[in-house]
Amino acid sequence: MTFIQIIEFQTNRIDEVNTMMDAWLAASAGKRTATRAVQVQDRENPGTYLHLVEFPSYEAAMENSNRPETGEFAARLAELFDSPPTFRNLDVIREEQM
């Protein structure tokens, strides 16, 4: 079952977040289990962002989370956030192409 994790965070340093994300993508190429990611900005709350990260399963997401490079990336990324991120862990039960 497809699994999606939503990570919500606040920052006024989004360019640095994206630079760090690019570095992580390069470092984790061929190792990460995520299949898709989307970054969005909340129009009504400037400085609030969400990452929607898709995995083939919850187990694949946990495998990715347990990788050392992911832990190091998350710790460095947290330094750029204005407050701790919040996480939503979602099992996809229906999907439609529209």
PDB file of N, CA and C in Angstrom:
ATOM      1  N   MET A   1       0.839  -1.172   0.000  1.00  0.00           N
ATOM      2  CA  MET A   1       0.000   0.000   0.000  1.00  0.00           C
ATOM      3  C   MET A   1       0.888   1.241   0.000  1.00  0.00           C
ATOM      4  N   THR A   2       0.600   2.165  -0.904  1.00  0.00           N
ATOM      5  CA  THR A   2       1.370   3.407  -0.983  1.00  0.00           C
ATOM      6  C   THR A   2       1.252   4.177   0.330  1.00  0.00           C
ATOM      7  N   PHE A   3       2.341   4.819   0.711  1.00  0.00           N
ATOM      8  CA  PHE A   3       2.425   5.564   1.960  1.00  0.00           C
ATOM      9  C   PHE A   3       2.935   6.963   1.648  1.00  0.00           C
ATOM     10  N   ILE A   4       2.320   7.967   2.262  1.00  0.00           N
ATOM     11  CA  ILE A   4       2.744   9.349   2.077  1.00  0.00           C
ATOM     12  C   ILE A   4       3.041   9.963   3.433  1.00  0.00           C
ATOM     13  N   GLN A   5       4.171  10.623   3.528  1.00  0.00           N
ATOM     14  CA  GLN A   5       4.504  11.364   4.740  1.00  0.00           C
ATOM     15  C   GLN A   5       4.475  12.848   4.393  1.00  0.00           C
ATOM     16  N   ILE A   6       3.767  13.620   5.219  1.00  0.00           N
ATOM     17  CA  ILE A   6       3.726  15.070   5.060  1.00  0.00           C
ATOM     18  C   ILE A   6       4.536  15.677   6.200  1.00  0.00           C
ATOM     19  N   ILE A   7       5.486  16.504   5.836  1.00  0.00           N
ATOM     20  CA  ILE A   7       6.336  17.183   6.817  1.00  0.00           C
ATOM     21  C   ILE A   7       6.050  18.667   6.690  1.00  0.00           C
ATOM     22  N   GLU A   8       5.508  19.259   7.741  1.00  0.00           N
ATOM     23  CA  GLU A   8       5.199  20.688   7.746  1.00  0.00           C
ATOM     24  C   GLU A   8       6.247  21.409   8.583  1.00  0.00           C
ATOM     25  N   PHE A   9       6.727  22.535   8.052  1.00  0.00           N
ATOM     26  CA  PHE A   9       7.747  23.284   8.775  1.00  0.00           C
ATOM     27  C   PHE A   9       7.651  24.763   8.449  1.00  0.00           C
ATOM     28  N   GLN A  10       8.224  25.570   9.322  1.00  0.00           N
ATOM     29  CA  GLN A  10       8.299  27.014   9.107  1.00  0.00           C
ATOM     30  C   GLN A  10       9.766  27.398   9.006  1.00  0.00           C
ATOM     31  N   THR A  11      10.051  28.268   8.034  1.00  0.00           N
ATOM     32  CA  THR A  11      11.415  28.772   7.879  1.00  0.00           C
ATOM     33  C   THR A  11      11.393  30.067   7.070  1.00  0.00           C
ATOM     34  N   ASN A  12      12.362  30.897   7.322  1.00  0.00           N
ATOM     35  CA  ASN A  12      12.576  32.067   6.468  1.00  0.00           C
ATOM     36  C   ASN A  12      13.862  31.856   5.660  1.00  0.00           C
ATOM     37  N   ARG A  13      14.306  30.589   5.598  1.00  0.00           N
ATOM     38  CA  ARG A  13      15.545  30.234   4.902  1.00  0.00           C
ATOM     39  C   ARG A  13      15.291  29.129   3.870  1.00  0.00           C
ATOM     40  N   ILE A  14      14.207  29.270   3.095  1.00  0.00           N
ATOM     41  CA  ILE A  14      13.815  28.202   2.168  1.00  0.00           C
ATOM     42  C   ILE A  14      14.871  27.941   1.097  1.00  0.00           C
ATOM     43  N   ASP A  15      15.598  28.952   0.671  1.00  0.00           N
ATOM     44  CA  ASP A  15      16.648  28.719  -0.323  1.00  0.00           C
ATOM     45  C   ASP A  15      17.732  27.800   0.233  1.00  0.00           C
ATOM     46  N   GLU A  16      18.078  27.981   1.500  1.00  0.00           N
ATOM     47  CA  GLU A  16      19.063  27.097   2.135  1.00  0.00           C
ATOM     48  C   GLU A  16      18.502  25.691   2.307  1.00  0.00           C
ATOM     49  N   VAL A  17      17.219  25.590   2.643  1.00  0.00           N
ATOM     50  CA  VAL A  17      16.578  24.274   2.739  1.00  0.00           C
ATOM     51  C   VAL A  17      16.678  23.556   1.396  1.00  0.00           C
ATOM     52  N   ASN A  18      16.377  24.262   0.313  1.00  0.00           N
ATOM     53  CA  ASN A  18      16.415  23.635  -1.007  1.00  0.00           C
ATOM     54  C   ASN A  18      17.833  23.273  -1.442  1.00  0.00           C
ATOM     55  N   THR A  19      18.804  24.079  -1.078  1.00  0.00           N
ATOM     56  CA  THR A  19      20.201  23.735  -1.372  1.00  0.00           C
ATOM     57  C   THR A  19      20.590  22.458  -0.636  1.00  0.00           C
ATOM     58  N   MET A  20      20.173  22.360   0.621  1.00  0.00           N
ATOM     59  CA  MET A  20      20.465  21.159   1.405  1.00  0.00           C
ATOM     60  C   MET A  20      19.723  19.952   0.831  1.00  0.00           C
ATOM     61  N   MET A  21      18.498  20.165   0.371  1.00  0.00           N
ATOM     62  CA  MET A  21      17.724  19.083  -0.232  1.00  0.00           C
ATOM     63  C   MET A  21      18.418  18.565  -1.492  1.00  0.00           C
ATOM     64  N   ASP A  22      18.923  19.478  -2.317  1.00  0.00           N
ATOM     65  CA  ASP A  22      19.645  19.070  -3.531  1.00  0.00           C
ATOM     66  C   ASP A  22      20.868  18.227  -3.184  1.00  0.00           C
ATOM     67  N   ALA A  23      21.589  18.614  -2.144  1.00  0.00           N
ATOM     68  CA  ALA A  23      22.772  17.853  -1.718  1.00  0.00           C
ATOM     69  C   ALA A  23      22.365  16.461  -1.236  1.00  0.00           C
ATOM     70  N   TRP A  24      21.271  16.377  -0.474  1.00  0.00           N
ATOM     71  CA  TRP A  24      20.803  15.075   0.013  1.00  0.00           C
ATOM     72  C   TRP A  24      20.360  14.192  -1.147  1.00  0.00           C
ATOM     73  N   LEU A  25      19.661  14.778  -2.111  1.00  0.00           N
ATOM     74  CA  LEU A  25      19.235  13.994  -3.270  1.00  0.00           C
ATOM     75  C   LEU A  25      20.427  13.388  -3.995  1.00  0.00           C
ATOM     76  N   ALA A  26      21.487  14.169  -4.151  1.00  0.00           N
ATOM     77  CA  ALA A  26      22.693  13.660  -4.801  1.00  0.00           C
ATOM     78  C   ALA A  26      23.350  12.564  -3.960  1.00  0.00           C
ATOM     79  N   ALA A  27      23.439  12.785  -2.650  1.00  0.00           N
ATOM     80  CA  ALA A  27      24.109  11.829  -1.762  1.00  0.00           C
ATOM     81  C   ALA A  27      23.324  10.530  -1.606  1.00  0.00           C
ATOM     82  N   SER A  28      22.005  10.584  -1.744  1.00  0.00           N
ATOM     83  CA  SER A  28      21.190   9.389  -1.521  1.00  0.00           C
ATOM     84  C   SER A  28      20.732   8.725  -2.826  1.00  0.00           C
ATOM     85  N   ALA A  29      21.240   9.197  -3.944  1.00  0.00           N
ATOM     86  CA  ALA A  29      20.850   8.625  -5.239  1.00  0.00           C
ATOM     87  C   ALA A  29      21.114   7.122  -5.254  1.00  0.00           C
ATOM     88  N   GLY A  30      20.120   6.377  -5.682  1.00  0.00           N
ATOM     89  CA  GLY A  30      20.246   4.923  -5.762  1.00  0.00           C
ATOM     90  C   GLY A  30      20.036   4.210  -4.444  1.00  0.00           C
ATOM     91  N   LYS A  31      19.875   4.952  -3.343  1.00  0.00           N
ATOM     92  CA  LYS A  31      19.701   4.344  -2.019  1.00  0.00           C
ATOM     93  C   LYS A  31      18.344   4.643  -1.410  1.00  0.00           C
ATOM     94  N   ARG A  32      17.793   5.810  -1.682  1.00  0.00           N
ATOM     95  CA  ARG A  32      16.543   6.201  -1.022  1.00  0.00           C
ATOM     96  C   ARG A  32      15.375   5.399  -1.583  1.00  0.00           C
ATOM     97  N   THR A  33      14.356   5.261  -0.759  1.00  0.00           N
ATOM     98  CA  THR A  33      13.188   4.485  -1.156  1.00  0.00           C
ATOM     99  C   THR A  33      12.003   5.358  -1.534  1.00  0.00           C
ATOM    100  N   ALA A  34      12.096   6.663  -1.363  1.00  0.00           N
ATOM    101  CA  ALA A  34      11.020   7.566  -1.764  1.00  0.00           C
ATOM    102  C   ALA A  34      10.890   7.539  -3.288  1.00  0.00           C
ATOM    103  N   THR A  35       9.663   7.608  -3.764  1.00  0.00           N
ATOM    104  CA  THR A  35       9.430   7.565  -5.204  1.00  0.00           C
ATOM    105  C   THR A  35       9.017   8.917  -5.774  1.00  0.00           C
ATOM    106  N   ARG A  36       8.545   9.818  -4.917  1.00  0.00           N
ATOM    107  CA  ARG A  36       8.087  11.118  -5.391  1.00  0.00           C
ATOM    108  C   ARG A  36       8.059  12.084  -4.218  1.00  0.00           C
ATOM    109  N   ALA A  37       8.343  13.346  -4.499  1.00  0.00           N
ATOM    110  CA  ALA A  37       8.252  14.373  -3.462  1.00  0.00           C
ATOM    111  C   ALA A  37       7.755  15.673  -4.087  1.00  0.00           C
ATOM    112  N   VAL A  38       6.948  16.379  -3.327  1.00  0.00           N
ATOM    113  CA  VAL A  38       6.434  17.671  -3.744  1.00  0.00           C
ATOM    114  C   VAL A  38       6.621  18.629  -2.571  1.00  0.00           C
ATOM    115  N   GLN A  39       7.125  19.811  -2.868  1.00  0.00           N
ATOM    116  CA  GLN A  39       7.248  20.849  -1.840  1.00  0.00           C
ATOM    117  C   GLN A  39       6.219  21.926  -2.156  1.00  0.00           C
ATOM    118  N   VAL A  40       5.461  22.340  -1.154  1.00  0.00           N
ATOM    119  CA  VAL A  40       4.450  23.375  -1.349  1.00  0.00           C
ATOM    120  C   VAL A  40       4.604  24.451  -0.290  1.00  0.00           C
ATOM    121  N   GLN A  41       4.094  25.642  -0.628  1.00  0.00           N
ATOM    122  CA  GLN A  41       4.109  26.777   0.292  1.00  0.00           C
ATOM    123  C   GLN A  41       2.663  27.140   0.615  1.00  0.00           C
ATOM    124  N   ASP A  42       2.381  27.410   1.864  1.00  0.00           N
ATOM    125  CA  ASP A  42       1.043  27.802   2.300  1.00  0.00           C
ATOM    126  C   ASP A  42       0.810  29.272   1.944  1.00  0.00           C
ATOM    127  N   ARG A  43      -0.142  29.533   1.081  1.00  0.00           N
ATOM    128  CA  ARG A  43      -0.419  30.907   0.648  1.00  0.00           C
ATOM    129  C   ARG A  43      -0.879  31.808   1.787  1.00  0.00           C
ATOM    130  N   GLU A  44      -1.632  31.257   2.723  1.00  0.00           N
ATOM    131  CA  GLU A  44      -2.186  32.063   3.804  1.00  0.00           C
ATOM    132  C   GLU A  44      -1.226  32.235   4.979  1.00  0.00           C
ATOM    133  N   ASN A  45      -0.150  31.470   4.994  1.00  0.00           N
ATOM    134  CA  ASN A  45       0.810  31.513   6.097  1.00  0.00           C
ATOM    135  C   ASN A  45       2.229  31.602   5.533  1.00  0.00           C
ATOM    136  N   PRO A  46       2.680  32.797   5.202  1.00  0.00           N
ATOM    137  CA  PRO A  46       4.030  32.952   4.647  1.00  0.00           C
ATOM    138  C   PRO A  46       5.079  32.305   5.562  1.00  0.00           C
ATOM    139  N   GLY A  47       6.014  31.634   4.926  1.00  0.00           N
ATOM    140  CA  GLY A  47       7.078  30.970   5.677  1.00  0.00           C
ATOM    141  C   GLY A  47       6.712  29.572   6.139  1.00  0.00           C
ATOM    142  N   THR A  48       5.503  29.094   5.784  1.00  0.00           N
ATOM    143  CA  THR A  48       5.074  27.739   6.127  1.00  0.00           C
ATOM    144  C   THR A  48       5.112  26.886   4.866  1.00  0.00           C
ATOM    145  N   TYR A  49       5.777  25.745   4.977  1.00  0.00           N
ATOM    146  CA  TYR A  49       5.986  24.845   3.843  1.00  0.00           C
ATOM    147  C   TYR A  49       5.620  23.426   4.239  1.00  0.00           C
ATOM    148  N   LEU A  50       5.319  22.629   3.241  1.00  0.00           N
ATOM    149  CA  LEU A  50       5.071  21.213   3.442  1.00  0.00           C
ATOM    150  C   LEU A  50       5.827  20.423   2.385  1.00  0.00           C
ATOM    151  N   HIS A  51       6.412  19.319   2.809  1.00  0.00           N
ATOM    152  CA  HIS A  51       6.992  18.339   1.887  1.00  0.00           C
ATOM    153  C   HIS A  51       6.045  17.147   1.906  1.00  0.00           C
ATOM    154  N   LEU A  52       5.594  16.722   0.756  1.00  0.00           N
ATOM    155  CA  LEU A  52       4.784  15.526   0.621  1.00  0.00           C
ATOM    156  C   LEU A  52       5.677  14.492  -0.043  1.00  0.00           C
ATOM    157  N   VAL A  53       5.986  13.438   0.684  1.00  0.00           N
ATOM    158  CA  VAL A  53       6.939  12.437   0.201  1.00  0.00           C
ATOM    159  C   VAL A  53       6.218  11.098   0.077  1.00  0.00           C
ATOM    160  N   GLU A  54       6.285  10.515  -1.113  1.00  0.00           N
ATOM    161  CA  GLU A  54       5.583   9.266  -1.392  1.00  0.00           C
ATOM    162  C   GLU A  54       6.558   8.090  -1.403  1.00  0.00           C
ATOM    163  N   PHE A  55       6.099   6.985  -0.832  1.00  0.00           N
ATOM    164  CA  PHE A  55       6.866   5.738  -0.765  1.00  0.00           C
ATOM    165  C   PHE A  55       5.979   4.590  -1.237  1.00  0.00           C
ATOM    166  N   PRO A  56       6.569   3.500  -1.697  1.00  0.00           N
ATOM    167  CA  PRO A  56       5.754   2.359  -2.108  1.00  0.00           C
ATOM    168  C   PRO A  56       5.008   1.711  -0.939  1.00  0.00           C
ATOM    169  N   SER A  57       5.528   1.892   0.298  1.00  0.00           N
ATOM    170  CA  SER A  57       4.899   1.298   1.477  1.00  0.00           C
ATOM    171  C   SER A  57       5.428   1.981   2.737  1.00  0.00           C
ATOM    172  N   TYR A  58       4.740   1.749   3.846  1.00  0.00           N
ATOM    173  CA  TYR A  58       5.203   2.247   5.148  1.00  0.00           C
ATOM    174  C   TYR A  58       6.580   1.672   5.462  1.00  0.00           C
ATOM    175  N   GLU A  59       6.752   0.392   5.179  1.00  0.00           N
ATOM    176  CA  GLU A  59       8.034  -0.269   5.457  1.00  0.00           C
ATOM    177  C   GLU A  59       9.175   0.390   4.677  1.00  0.00           C
ATOM    178  N   ALA A  60       8.922   0.741   3.424  1.00  0.00           N
ATOM    179  CA  ALA A  60       9.944   1.419   2.618  1.00  0.00           C
ATOM    180  C   ALA A  60      10.265   2.789   3.207  1.00  0.00           C
ATOM    181  N   ALA A  61       9.257   3.479   3.727  1.00  0.00           N
ATOM    182  CA  ALA A  61       9.486   4.781   4.357  1.00  0.00           C
ATOM    183  C   ALA A  61      10.352   4.627   5.603  1.00  0.00           C
ATOM    184  N   MET A  62      10.081   3.607   6.408  1.00  0.00           N
ATOM    185  CA  MET A  62      10.860   3.396   7.626  1.00  0.00           C
ATOM    186  C   MET A  62      12.294   2.986   7.288  1.00  0.00           C
ATOM    187  N   GLU A  63      12.457   2.214   6.226  1.00  0.00           N
ATOM    188  CA  GLU A  63      13.803   1.862   5.769  1.00  0.00           C
ATOM    189  C   GLU A  63      14.570   3.125   5.397  1.00  0.00           C
ATOM    190  N   ASN A  64      13.917   4.021   4.681  1.00  0.00           N
ATOM    191  CA  ASN A  64      14.543   5.283   4.293  1.00  0.00           C
ATOM    192  C   ASN A  64      14.880   6.125   5.521  1.00  0.00           C
ATOM    193  N   SER A  65      13.952   6.212   6.457  1.00  0.00           N
ATOM    194  CA  SER A  65      14.158   7.007   7.675  1.00  0.00           C
ATOM    195  C   SER A  65      15.319   6.490   8.504  1.00  0.00           C
ATOM    196  N   ASN A  66      15.537   5.185   8.479  1.00  0.00           N
ATOM    197  CA  ASN A  66      16.591   4.580   9.295  1.00  0.00           C
ATOM    198  C   ASN A  66      17.978   4.650   8.662  1.00  0.00           C
ATOM    199  N   ARG A  67      18.080   5.156   7.461  1.00  0.00           N
ATOM    200  CA  ARG A  67      19.389   5.287   6.813  1.00  0.00           C
ATOM    201  C   ARG A  67      20.183   6.397   7.499  1.00  0.00           C
ATOM    202  N   PRO A  68      21.478   6.184   7.733  1.00  0.00           N
ATOM    203  CA  PRO A  68      22.294   7.194   8.419  1.00  0.00           C
ATOM    204  C   PRO A  68      22.286   8.546   7.707  1.00  0.00           C
ATOM    205  N   GLU A  69      22.358   8.538   6.378  1.00  0.00           N
ATOM    206  CA  GLU A  69      22.394   9.814   5.662  1.00  0.00           C
ATOM    207  C   GLU A  69      21.077  10.584   5.816  1.00  0.00           C
ATOM    208  N   THR A  70      19.963   9.867   5.984  1.00  0.00           N
ATOM    209  CA  THR A  70      18.677  10.537   6.195  1.00  0.00           C
ATOM    210  C   THR A  70      18.645  11.175   7.577  1.00  0.00           C
ATOM    211  N   GLY A  71      19.130  10.476   8.589  1.00  0.00           N
ATOM    212  CA  GLY A  71      19.182  11.033   9.941  1.00  0.00           C
ATOM    213  C   GLY A  71      20.058  12.269  10.021  1.00  0.00           C
ATOM    214  N   GLU A  72      21.217  12.216   9.380  1.00  0.00           N
ATOM    215  CA  GLU A  72      22.118  13.372   9.363  1.00  0.00           C
ATOM    216  C   GLU A  72      21.478  14.548   8.628  1.00  0.00           C
ATOM    217  N   PHE A  73      20.816  14.258   7.509  1.00  0.00           N
ATOM    218  CA  PHE A  73      20.145  15.290   6.736  1.00  0.00           C
ATOM    219  C   PHE A  73      19.045  15.950   7.571  1.00  0.00           C
ATOM    220  N   ALA A  74      18.247  15.154   8.238  1.00  0.00           N
ATOM    221  CA  ALA A  74      17.143  15.689   9.045  1.00  0.00           C
ATOM    222  C   ALA A  74      17.662  16.572  10.177  1.00  0.00           C
ATOM    223  N   ALA A  75      18.752  16.178  10.802  1.00  0.00           N
ATOM    224  CA  ALA A  75      19.323  16.976  11.895  1.00  0.00           C
ATOM    225  C   ALA A  75      19.834  18.318  11.387  1.00  0.00           C
ATOM    226  N   ARG A  76      20.516  18.324  10.257  1.00  0.00           N
ATOM    227  CA  ARG A  76      21.016  19.583   9.680  1.00  0.00           C
ATOM    228  C   ARG A  76      19.863  20.462   9.190  1.00  0.00           C
ATOM    229  N   LEU A  77      18.860  19.823   8.622  1.00  0.00           N
ATOM    230  CA  LEU A  77      17.706  20.560   8.123  1.00  0.00           C
ATOM    231  C   LEU A  77      16.958  21.250   9.260  1.00  0.00           C
ATOM    232  N   ALA A  78      16.824  20.580  10.387  1.00  0.00           N
ATOM    233  CA  ALA A  78      16.112  21.144  11.539  1.00  0.00           C
ATOM    234  C   ALA A  78      16.734  22.459  12.003  1.00  0.00           C
ATOM    235  N   GLU A  79      18.022  22.627  11.773  1.00  0.00           N
ATOM    236  CA  GLU A  79      18.696  23.870  12.150  1.00  0.00           C
ATOM    237  C   GLU A  79      18.198  25.059  11.329  1.00  0.00           C
ATOM    238  N   LEU A  80      17.604  24.792  10.164  1.00  0.00           N
ATOM    239  CA  LEU A  80      17.099  25.855   9.304  1.00  0.00           C
ATOM    240  C   LEU A  80      15.626  26.176   9.565  1.00  0.00           C
ATOM    241  N   PHE A  81      14.975  25.364  10.390  1.00  0.00           N
ATOM    242  CA  PHE A  81      13.557  25.568  10.688  1.00  0.00           C
ATOM    243  C   PHE A  81      13.398  26.525  11.861  1.00  0.00           C
ATOM    244  N   ASP A  82      12.296  27.258  11.855  1.00  0.00           N
ATOM    245  CA  ASP A  82      11.992  28.194  12.941  1.00  0.00           C
ATOM    246  C   ASP A  82      11.405  27.493  14.150  1.00  0.00           C
ATOM    247  N   SER A  83      10.871  26.292  13.967  1.00  0.00           N
ATOM    248  CA  SER A  83      10.317  25.481  15.044  1.00  0.00           C
ATOM    249  C   SER A  83      10.379  24.024  14.596  1.00  0.00           C
ATOM    250  N   PRO A  84      10.187  23.078  15.510  1.00  0.00           N
ATOM    251  CA  PRO A  84      10.236  21.673  15.105  1.00  0.00           C
ATOM    252  C   PRO A  84       9.175  21.356  14.048  1.00  0.00           C
ATOM    253  N   PRO A  85       9.507  20.500  13.094  1.00  0.00           N
ATOM    254  CA  PRO A  85       8.533  20.129  12.071  1.00  0.00           C
ATOM    255  C   PRO A  85       7.442  19.235  12.662  1.00  0.00           C
ATOM    256  N   THR A  86       6.309  19.180  11.975  1.00  0.00           N
ATOM    257  CA  THR A  86       5.266  18.224  12.336  1.00  0.00           C
ATOM    258  C   THR A  86       5.143  17.217  11.207  1.00  0.00           C
ATOM    259  N   PHE A  87       4.770  15.999  11.550  1.00  0.00           N
ATOM    260  CA  PHE A  87       4.702  14.900  10.595  1.00  0.00           C
ATOM    261  C   PHE A  87       3.300  14.319  10.564  1.00  0.00           C
ATOM    262  N   ARG A  88       2.854  13.969   9.368  1.00  0.00           N
ATOM    263  CA  ARG A  88       1.613  13.214   9.177  1.00  0.00           C
ATOM    264  C   ARG A  88       1.998  11.981   8.384  1.00  0.00           C
ATOM    265  N   ASN A  89       1.595  10.818   8.857  1.00  0.00           N
ATOM    266  CA  ASN A  89       1.901   9.547   8.219  1.00  0.00           C
ATOM    267  C   ASN A  89       0.607   8.952   7.681  1.00  0.00           C
ATOM    268  N   LEU A  90       0.523   8.825   6.360  1.00  0.00           N
ATOM    269  CA  LEU A  90      -0.742   8.518   5.705  1.00  0.00           C
ATOM    270  C   LEU A  90      -0.654   7.283   4.814  1.00  0.00           C
ATOM    271  N   ASP A  91      -1.575   6.339   5.006  1.00  0.00           N
ATOM    272  CA  ASP A  91      -1.728   5.214   4.088  1.00  0.00           C
ATOM    273  C   ASP A  91      -2.710   5.632   3.004  1.00  0.00           C
ATOM    274  N   VAL A  92      -2.325   5.474   1.751  1.00  0.00           N
ATOM    275  CA  VAL A  92      -3.200   5.812   0.636  1.00  0.00           C
ATOM    276  C   VAL A  92      -4.231   4.690   0.492  1.00  0.00           C
ATOM    277  N   ILE A  93      -5.498   5.042   0.582  1.00  0.00           N
ATOM    278  CA  ILE A  93      -6.538   4.021   0.442  1.00  0.00           C
ATOM    279  C   ILE A  93      -7.333   4.189  -0.855  1.00  0.00           C
ATOM    280  N   ARG A  94      -7.178   5.322  -1.499  1.00  0.00           N
ATOM    281  CA  ARG A  94      -7.828   5.522  -2.798  1.00  0.00           C
ATOM    282  C   ARG A  94      -7.045   6.577  -3.553  1.00  0.00           C
ATOM    283  N   GLU A  95      -6.915   6.367  -4.852  1.00  0.00           N
ATOM    284  CA  GLU A  95      -6.196   7.314  -5.701  1.00  0.00           C
ATOM    285  C   GLU A  95      -6.918   7.401  -7.042  1.00  0.00           C
ATOM    286  N   GLU A  96      -7.073   8.613  -7.521  1.00  0.00           N
ATOM    287  CA  GLU A  96      -7.720   8.856  -8.806  1.00  0.00           C
ATOM    288  C   GLU A  96      -6.825   9.761  -9.643  1.00  0.00           C
ATOM    289  N   GLN A  97      -6.737   9.499 -10.918  1.00  0.00           N
ATOM    290  CA  GLN A  97      -6.099  10.412 -11.857  1.00  0.00           C
ATOM    291  C   GLN A  97      -7.191  11.299 -12.421  1.00  0.00           C
ATOM    292  N   MET A  98      -7.034  12.608 -12.305  1.00  0.00           N
ATOM    293  CA  MET A  98      -8.108  13.513 -12.740  1.00  0.00           C
ATOM    294  C   MET A  98      -7.623  14.440 -13.843  1.00  0.00           C
TER     295      MET A  98
END
